[in-house]
Amino acid sequence: MENFTAYNPTKLHFGKGVTDILGETVNEYGKRVLLMYGKGSVQKNGIYDKVISQLKSIDAEIFEYSGIKPNPLVEDVSEAAQIGKLNNIDVIIAVGGGSVIDSAKITALAISNNTDPWAIMKYEAKPKSTIPLIAVLTLAATGTEMNGAAVLQNLETDEKIGYVSLLNYPKHSFLDPEFTFTVPKDYTAYGVVDLIAHALEAYFGEGEASLSDRFIEVIIKEAMEYGPMLLKDLKNYEYRANIMWAATTALNGMTNYGRKSGDWGVHDIGHNISYLYDTPHGATLSIAYPAWLRLQKDRIPERITKLGNQLFGTNSVDETISNLEEFFKSIDCPIKLSDINIGKDKKEEIVTQMLKNKINGMVHQFTDDDRKVIVDLMM
């Protein structure tokens, strides 16, 4: 086991009605609030009204930035940061899923450091401070509510990349499972895939950490047990709660303690697909993970077989991959690009994108030949 430091400064409020203390929590940081959210679902389902009510209860001055898309754009972050700087905001509230919270994280850094957001994403700028961020989660998937990571895409540079900083942790995150009741079936399933993929990225990282392995196996089993049940009963509070907490724990640090790093090669593949075709993030991962496992089957057979034995009771690489694919199919997630109507006519375009951006893992490195093979394996 590697040496490690366990650190998570986010105070997480979980359960029914937890946003009843949102106003008093915001008031700890100030009354000039930048409220960030997506394209309108929070207004339709009543969550927006609940947040506004809480802010009015402390006489907050509210400035809004809305319209953040599921695959978030750095342009939106730049515009939100301008609003924040012009109005000298004290605190940011992000109401939404991973795209909104990730955008808010980089907005906070850009405001506090008067810095270009993409320079932050490329690690060219070195932020020293941030604006306090409070997250109100409406989609169980990314784990961003309790970690220091953020992902954005840039249409000018043809990139979708991640940035990690201790400054990015939200001060508080509010997780009410009822706030996910209106998430449709397909995006609920993509969230299940996303949390499993996060756990697997740690599992295939560098370093032996038996307890972290056990955490990963249990998180994935939780997702595989409650995910299908939830998809048949989308407003079941207990099922929503179980998946919501599993998604948070899959990427709040506990699966990586004792390792040098996770791998994240599959996410790099997925980011490039979602950049090209605006594909939902979880859908790219259910396609990319089986392909990645097939690429690695002769390189790390023992590790893949161990995973299958713990999750499915199987004893071979091929059985592990097959069972994972069958689970993804059982929750109506794609396992091939053809399942989302991306045919072989797009192969060269995808290969070009993969080669241009040099998709890679932190542990399991890709050659250019690997980048081409992975596209074939996804077709």
Protein backbone atom coordinates (compact mmCIF):
# COMPACT_ATOMS: atom_id res chain seq x y z
CA MET A 1 0.00 0.00 0.00
CA GLU A 2 1.26 3.48 -0.92
CA ASN A 3 1.52 6.32 1.60
CA PHE A 4 -1.47 8.64 1.38
CA THR A 5 -3.18 11.66 2.90
CA ALA A 6 -6.93 11.40 3.40
CA TYR A 7 -8.58 14.78 2.90
CA ASN A 8 -12.11 15.85 2.09
CA PRO A 9 -13.18 19.31 3.24
CA THR A 10 -16.69 19.23 1.75
CA LYS A 11 -19.48 19.21 4.33
CA LEU A 12 -22.14 17.02 2.79
CA HIS A 13 -25.80 17.24 3.83
CA PHE A 14 -27.71 14.13 2.73
CA GLY A 15 -31.40 13.32 2.92
CA LYS A 16 -34.97 14.53 2.63
CA GLY A 17 -35.41 18.24 3.26
CA VAL A 18 -31.72 19.04 3.81
CA THR A 19 -31.98 22.23 1.74
CA ASP A 20 -34.13 23.71 4.49
CA ILE A 21 -30.85 25.04 5.93
CA LEU A 22 -29.47 26.24 2.59
CA GLY A 23 -30.17 29.90 3.36
CA GLU A 24 -28.41 29.96 6.71
CA THR A 25 -25.49 28.06 5.18
CA VAL A 26 -25.13 30.58 2.34
CA ASN A 27 -25.30 33.40 4.88
CA GLU A 28 -22.02 32.18 6.40
CA TYR A 29 -20.24 33.33 3.23
CA GLY A 30 -22.15 36.46 2.22
CA LYS A 31 -25.30 37.74 0.56
CA ARG A 32 -24.13 38.47 -2.99
CA VAL A 33 -24.85 35.18 -4.73
CA LEU A 34 -24.12 33.91 -8.23
CA LEU A 35 -26.71 31.21 -8.93
CA MET A 36 -25.71 28.83 -11.73
CA TYR A 37 -27.94 26.16 -13.27
CA GLY A 38 -28.74 24.37 -16.53
CA LYS A 39 -31.32 24.76 -19.26
CA GLY A 40 -34.51 24.94 -17.23
CA SER A 41 -35.30 21.57 -15.66
CA VAL A 42 -34.76 22.94 -12.15
CA GLN A 43 -37.36 25.60 -12.87
CA LYS A 44 -39.88 23.07 -14.14
CA ASN A 45 -39.50 20.65 -11.22
CA GLY A 46 -39.67 23.24 -8.45
CA ILE A 47 -36.08 22.99 -7.21
CA TYR A 48 -35.29 26.51 -8.41
CA ASP A 49 -38.18 27.93 -6.40
CA LYS A 50 -36.99 26.16 -3.26
CA VAL A 51 -33.49 27.58 -3.67
CA ILE A 52 -34.78 31.09 -4.37
CA SER A 53 -37.01 30.90 -1.30
CA GLN A 54 -34.03 30.00 0.84
CA LEU A 55 -31.98 32.86 -0.58
CA LYS A 56 -34.79 35.36 -0.06
CA SER A 57 -35.01 34.28 3.57
CA ILE A 58 -31.56 35.82 4.13
CA ASP A 59 -32.21 38.84 1.84
CA ALA A 60 -29.56 37.66 -0.59
CA GLU A 61 -28.81 39.66 -3.74
CA ILE A 62 -29.04 37.12 -6.55
CA PHE A 63 -27.25 37.16 -9.90
CA GLU A 64 -27.99 34.30 -12.28
CA TYR A 65 -26.26 32.37 -15.02
CA SER A 66 -28.32 29.65 -16.70
CA GLY A 67 -28.17 27.45 -19.79
CA ILE A 68 -25.20 25.26 -18.93
CA LYS A 69 -25.32 22.19 -21.18
CA PRO A 70 -24.69 18.54 -20.23
CA ASN A 71 -21.26 18.58 -21.90
CA PRO A 72 -20.22 21.93 -20.40
CA LEU A 73 -18.47 24.64 -22.39
CA VAL A 74 -15.64 26.90 -21.28
CA GLU A 75 -17.45 29.78 -23.02
CA ASP A 76 -20.26 29.55 -20.46
CA VAL A 77 -17.73 29.59 -17.64
CA SER A 78 -16.12 32.74 -19.08
CA GLU A 79 -19.50 34.49 -19.25
CA ALA A 80 -20.49 33.40 -15.75
CA ALA A 81 -17.14 34.59 -14.40
CA GLN A 82 -17.71 38.00 -15.95
CA ILE A 83 -21.04 38.31 -14.17
CA GLY A 84 -19.41 37.28 -10.92
CA LYS A 85 -16.55 39.76 -11.24
CA LEU A 86 -18.78 42.67 -12.27
CA ASN A 87 -21.06 42.12 -9.30
CA ASN A 88 -18.41 41.34 -6.70
CA ILE A 89 -20.10 38.14 -5.60
CA ASP A 90 -19.41 36.45 -2.28
CA VAL A 91 -20.51 32.91 -2.99
CA ILE A 92 -21.60 30.66 -5.88
CA ILE A 93 -24.52 28.23 -5.70
CA ALA A 94 -24.53 25.51 -8.36
CA VAL A 95 -27.89 23.79 -8.78
CA GLY A 96 -27.68 20.80 -11.09
CA GLY A 97 -25.59 17.79 -12.02
CA GLY A 98 -21.93 17.42 -12.82
CA SER A 99 -21.87 19.87 -15.73
CA VAL A 100 -23.24 22.73 -13.64
CA ILE A 101 -21.10 22.03 -10.58
CA ASP A 102 -17.94 21.53 -12.67
CA SER A 103 -18.63 24.82 -14.47
CA ALA A 104 -19.15 26.56 -11.14
CA LYS A 105 -15.84 25.23 -9.79
CA ILE A 106 -13.86 26.79 -12.62
CA THR A 107 -15.99 29.95 -12.54
CA ALA A 108 -15.06 30.36 -8.87
CA LEU A 109 -11.36 30.04 -9.66
CA ALA A 110 -11.56 32.41 -12.63
CA ILE A 111 -13.31 35.08 -10.57
CA SER A 112 -11.05 34.86 -7.56
CA ASN A 113 -7.84 34.89 -9.59
CA ASN A 114 -9.03 37.13 -12.44
CA THR A 115 -7.82 34.40 -14.79
CA ASP A 116 -8.88 32.91 -18.11
CA PRO A 117 -10.81 29.67 -17.40
CA TRP A 118 -9.09 27.67 -20.14
CA ALA A 119 -5.67 28.67 -18.84
CA ILE A 120 -6.78 27.09 -15.56
CA MET A 121 -7.97 23.93 -17.30
CA LYS A 122 -4.63 23.61 -19.13
CA TYR A 123 -2.68 24.12 -15.88
CA GLU A 124 -1.09 27.24 -17.42
CA ALA A 125 -2.53 29.46 -14.67
CA LYS A 126 -1.87 28.65 -11.03
CA PRO A 127 -4.89 29.70 -8.95
CA LYS A 128 -4.15 30.65 -5.35
CA SER A 129 -7.72 31.15 -4.09
CA THR A 130 -11.35 30.59 -4.97
CA ILE A 131 -14.87 31.83 -4.31
CA PRO A 132 -16.83 29.65 -1.86
CA LEU A 133 -19.01 27.15 -3.72
CA ILE A 134 -22.19 25.48 -2.50
CA ALA A 135 -23.62 22.63 -4.57
CA VAL A 136 -27.24 21.50 -4.73
CA LEU A 137 -27.14 18.18 -6.56
CA THR A 138 -29.94 17.13 -8.92
CA LEU A 139 -28.31 14.17 -10.72
CA ALA A 140 -26.52 11.19 -9.16
CA ALA A 141 -23.55 10.37 -11.37
CA THR A 142 -20.29 12.27 -11.34
CA GLY A 143 -19.32 12.59 -7.68
CA THR A 144 -18.23 16.19 -8.29
CA GLU A 145 -20.24 17.24 -5.23
CA MET A 146 -17.50 15.88 -2.98
CA ASN A 147 -14.27 16.11 -4.95
CA GLY A 148 -11.81 18.56 -6.47
CA ALA A 149 -12.26 17.66 -10.15
CA ALA A 150 -13.94 19.50 -13.01
CA VAL A 151 -14.34 18.78 -16.74
CA LEU A 152 -14.95 21.31 -19.53
CA GLN A 153 -14.80 21.30 -23.30
CA ASN A 154 -13.45 23.94 -25.67
CA LEU A 155 -14.89 24.09 -29.19
CA GLU A 156 -11.98 26.17 -30.46
CA THR A 157 -9.29 23.67 -29.46
CA ASP A 158 -11.36 20.48 -30.00
CA GLU A 159 -10.72 19.35 -26.42
CA LYS A 160 -12.68 18.04 -23.48
CA ILE A 161 -10.38 17.80 -20.48
CA GLY A 162 -10.29 17.62 -16.70
CA TYR A 163 -8.72 19.79 -14.02
CA VAL A 164 -8.10 18.79 -10.40
CA SER A 165 -7.36 21.10 -7.48
CA LEU A 166 -7.89 21.11 -3.72
CA LEU A 167 -9.48 24.53 -4.22
CA ASN A 168 -12.31 22.92 -6.19
CA TYR A 169 -14.00 21.13 -3.29
CA PRO A 170 -17.41 22.65 -2.56
CA LYS A 171 -17.70 24.12 0.92
CA HIS A 172 -21.09 22.43 1.28
CA SER A 173 -23.07 20.01 -0.87
CA PHE A 174 -26.77 19.34 -0.43
CA LEU A 175 -28.00 15.94 -1.60
CA ASP A 176 -31.75 15.39 -1.36
CA PRO A 177 -32.65 12.19 -3.24
CA GLU A 178 -36.09 13.67 -3.98
CA PHE A 179 -34.33 16.25 -6.17
CA THR A 180 -33.46 13.42 -8.56
CA PHE A 181 -37.03 12.07 -8.90
CA THR A 182 -37.59 13.80 -12.25
CA VAL A 183 -34.34 12.59 -13.85
CA PRO A 184 -35.54 10.50 -16.82
CA LYS A 185 -34.85 6.79 -17.12
CA ASP A 186 -32.04 7.08 -19.67
CA TYR A 187 -30.06 9.66 -17.70
CA THR A 188 -30.65 7.73 -14.49
CA ALA A 189 -29.07 4.69 -16.17
CA TYR A 190 -26.17 6.78 -17.49
CA GLY A 191 -25.56 7.93 -13.92
CA VAL A 192 -25.32 4.31 -12.78
CA VAL A 193 -22.76 3.62 -15.52
CA ASP A 194 -20.82 6.75 -14.61
CA LEU A 195 -20.45 5.78 -10.95
CA ILE A 196 -19.36 2.26 -11.91
CA ALA A 197 -16.81 3.70 -14.33
CA HIS A 198 -15.40 5.98 -11.63
CA ALA A 199 -14.94 3.01 -9.34
CA LEU A 200 -13.25 1.03 -12.11
CA GLU A 201 -10.83 3.85 -12.93
CA ALA A 202 -9.51 3.52 -9.37
CA TYR A 203 -9.53 -0.29 -9.53
CA PHE A 204 -7.25 -0.24 -12.56
CA GLY A 205 -4.97 2.42 -11.09
CA GLU A 206 -1.45 2.03 -9.78
CA GLY A 207 -0.77 0.46 -6.41
CA GLU A 208 -2.07 -2.39 -4.28
CA ALA A 209 -4.74 -1.34 -1.79
CA SER A 210 -6.92 -4.24 -0.67
CA LEU A 211 -9.40 -2.22 1.41
CA SER A 212 -9.87 0.28 -1.40
CA ASP A 213 -10.50 -2.67 -3.73
CA ARG A 214 -13.22 -3.88 -1.37
CA PHE A 215 -14.78 -0.41 -1.28
CA ILE A 216 -14.86 -0.45 -5.08
CA GLU A 217 -16.39 -3.91 -5.31
CA VAL A 218 -19.15 -3.01 -2.83
CA ILE A 219 -19.93 0.30 -4.55
CA ILE A 220 -20.29 -1.46 -7.91
CA LYS A 221 -22.43 -4.21 -6.35
CA GLU A 222 -24.63 -1.51 -4.81
CA ALA A 223 -25.06 0.09 -8.22
CA MET A 224 -25.81 -3.25 -9.88
CA GLU A 225 -28.37 -4.15 -7.24
CA TYR A 226 -30.26 -0.88 -6.90
CA GLY A 227 -29.77 0.51 -10.41
CA PRO A 228 -32.14 -1.93 -12.16
CA MET A 229 -34.67 -1.62 -9.33
CA LEU A 230 -34.60 2.17 -9.60
CA LEU A 231 -35.16 2.10 -13.35
CA LYS A 232 -38.44 0.26 -12.71
CA ASP A 233 -39.51 2.68 -9.97
CA LEU A 234 -38.01 6.11 -10.64
CA LYS A 235 -39.63 7.82 -7.66
CA ASN A 236 -38.61 5.28 -5.06
CA TYR A 237 -36.82 7.32 -2.40
CA GLU A 238 -34.67 4.50 -1.02
CA TYR A 239 -33.45 3.42 -4.45
CA ARG A 240 -32.65 7.03 -5.38
CA ALA A 241 -30.84 7.52 -2.07
CA ASN A 242 -28.75 4.38 -2.47
CA ILE A 243 -27.64 5.29 -5.98
CA MET A 244 -27.00 8.90 -4.99
CA TRP A 245 -24.70 7.95 -2.12
CA ALA A 246 -22.96 5.28 -4.21
CA ALA A 247 -22.19 7.88 -6.89
CA THR A 248 -20.68 10.21 -4.28
CA THR A 249 -18.51 7.53 -2.66
CA ALA A 250 -17.29 6.30 -6.05
CA LEU A 251 -15.29 9.51 -6.48
CA ASN A 252 -14.81 11.23 -3.12
CA GLY A 253 -11.35 9.78 -2.56
CA MET A 254 -12.06 6.63 -0.57
CA THR A 255 -11.55 4.27 -3.54
CA ASN A 256 -8.11 5.66 -4.25
CA TYR A 257 -6.47 5.70 -0.83
CA GLY A 258 -3.34 3.53 -0.89
CA ARG A 259 -2.76 3.94 -4.63
CA LYS A 260 -0.54 6.30 -6.56
CA SER A 261 -3.36 7.17 -8.95
CA GLY A 262 -6.37 5.96 -10.86
CA ASP A 263 -6.06 5.33 -14.60
CA TRP A 264 -8.70 7.52 -16.36
CA GLY A 265 -7.95 6.26 -19.85
CA VAL A 266 -11.57 5.20 -20.40
CA HIS A 267 -12.78 8.66 -19.42
CA ASP A 268 -10.36 10.18 -21.93
CA ILE A 269 -11.88 7.98 -24.63
CA GLY A 270 -15.40 8.91 -23.54
CA HIS A 271 -14.67 12.63 -23.40
CA ASN A 272 -13.53 12.61 -27.00
CA ILE A 273 -16.64 10.78 -28.17
CA SER A 274 -18.94 13.12 -26.28
CA TYR A 275 -17.03 16.08 -27.69
CA LEU A 276 -17.53 14.89 -31.27
CA TYR A 277 -21.18 13.84 -31.04
CA ASP A 278 -22.51 15.51 -27.86
CA THR A 279 -23.16 12.02 -26.51
CA PRO A 280 -24.23 11.75 -22.85
CA HIS A 281 -21.16 11.06 -20.75
CA GLY A 282 -22.45 7.81 -19.22
CA ALA A 283 -23.34 6.43 -22.64
CA THR A 284 -19.77 6.92 -23.84
CA LEU A 285 -18.47 5.01 -20.81
CA SER A 286 -20.69 1.95 -21.29
CA ILE A 287 -19.28 1.79 -24.83
CA ALA A 288 -15.67 2.50 -23.95
CA TYR A 289 -15.18 0.28 -20.91
CA PRO A 290 -15.77 -3.13 -22.55
CA ALA A 291 -13.58 -2.04 -25.45
CA TRP A 292 -10.81 -0.94 -23.07
CA LEU A 293 -11.01 -4.24 -21.19
CA ARG A 294 -10.65 -6.16 -24.44
CA LEU A 295 -7.60 -4.06 -25.32
CA GLN A 296 -6.10 -4.92 -21.92
CA LYS A 297 -7.18 -8.57 -21.70
CA ASP A 298 -3.74 -10.01 -22.43
CA ARG A 299 -1.90 -7.27 -20.50
CA ILE A 300 -3.64 -7.42 -17.11
CA PRO A 301 -5.63 -10.69 -17.20
CA GLU A 302 -5.26 -11.41 -13.48
CA ARG A 303 -6.66 -8.03 -12.48
CA ILE A 304 -9.63 -8.27 -14.83
CA THR A 305 -10.34 -11.85 -13.76
CA LYS A 306 -10.24 -10.86 -10.08
CA LEU A 307 -12.80 -8.15 -10.75
CA GLY A 308 -15.11 -10.60 -12.50
CA ASN A 309 -14.76 -13.13 -9.69
CA GLN A 310 -15.77 -10.57 -7.08
CA LEU A 311 -18.63 -9.03 -9.06
CA PHE A 312 -20.03 -11.97 -11.00
CA GLY A 313 -18.45 -15.14 -9.59
CA THR A 314 -16.69 -15.75 -12.92
CA ASN A 315 -13.15 -17.01 -13.51
CA SER A 316 -11.99 -15.61 -16.83
CA VAL A 317 -11.35 -12.32 -18.58
CA ASP A 318 -13.90 -12.99 -21.31
CA GLU A 319 -16.62 -13.85 -18.79
CA THR A 320 -15.88 -10.66 -16.87
CA ILE A 321 -16.22 -8.49 -19.96
CA SER A 322 -19.32 -10.34 -21.16
CA ASN A 323 -21.05 -9.96 -17.79
CA LEU A 324 -20.26 -6.26 -17.61
CA GLU A 325 -21.68 -5.77 -21.09
CA GLU A 326 -24.79 -7.71 -20.17
CA PHE A 327 -25.34 -5.50 -17.15
CA PHE A 328 -25.02 -2.35 -19.24
CA LYS A 329 -27.47 -3.79 -21.77
CA SER A 330 -29.89 -4.76 -18.99
CA ILE A 331 -30.21 -1.09 -18.02
CA ASP A 332 -30.59 -0.04 -21.68
CA CYS A 333 -27.17 1.52 -22.07
CA PRO A 334 -25.19 1.20 -25.32
CA ILE A 335 -22.16 -1.06 -25.58
CA LYS A 336 -21.20 -0.24 -29.16
CA LEU A 337 -21.04 3.00 -31.13
CA SER A 338 -23.58 1.51 -33.52
CA ASP A 339 -26.05 1.43 -30.62
CA ILE A 340 -26.07 5.24 -30.69
CA ASN A 341 -26.17 5.43 -34.48
CA ILE A 342 -22.49 6.15 -34.97
CA GLY A 343 -21.50 3.92 -37.86
CA LYS A 344 -18.23 2.83 -39.42
CA ASP A 345 -18.38 5.86 -41.71
CA LYS A 346 -17.33 7.88 -38.65
CA LYS A 347 -14.33 5.68 -37.87
CA GLU A 348 -11.69 7.93 -39.44
CA GLU A 349 -13.13 11.00 -37.77
CA ILE A 350 -12.96 9.32 -34.36
CA VAL A 351 -9.46 7.95 -34.94
CA THR A 352 -8.27 11.41 -36.00
CA GLN A 353 -9.73 12.90 -32.80
CA MET A 354 -8.13 10.21 -30.63
CA LEU A 355 -4.73 10.69 -32.26
CA LYS A 356 -4.90 14.47 -32.21
CA ASN A 357 -5.65 14.60 -28.49
CA LYS A 358 -3.37 11.66 -27.66
CA ILE A 359 -5.97 9.92 -25.49
CA ASN A 360 -4.22 8.14 -22.67
CA GLY A 361 -4.43 6.58 -19.26
CA MET A 362 -2.31 7.62 -16.32
CA VAL A 363 -1.22 4.03 -15.72
CA HIS A 364 -2.06 1.99 -18.82
CA GLN A 365 -0.54 4.01 -21.65
CA PHE A 366 -1.82 3.93 -25.23
CA THR A 367 0.27 3.75 -28.37
CA ASP A 368 -1.09 5.21 -31.59
CA ASP A 369 -1.91 1.65 -32.66
CA ASP A 370 -3.87 1.20 -29.43
CA ARG A 371 -5.82 4.38 -30.17
CA LYS A 372 -6.82 2.94 -33.52
CA VAL A 373 -7.64 -0.49 -32.11
CA ILE A 374 -9.86 0.94 -29.38
CA VAL A 375 -12.00 2.61 -32.03
CA ASP A 376 -12.40 -0.71 -33.86
CA LEU A 377 -13.36 -2.38 -30.59
CA MET A 378 -16.09 0.19 -29.99
CA MET A 379 -17.60 -0.18 -33.47
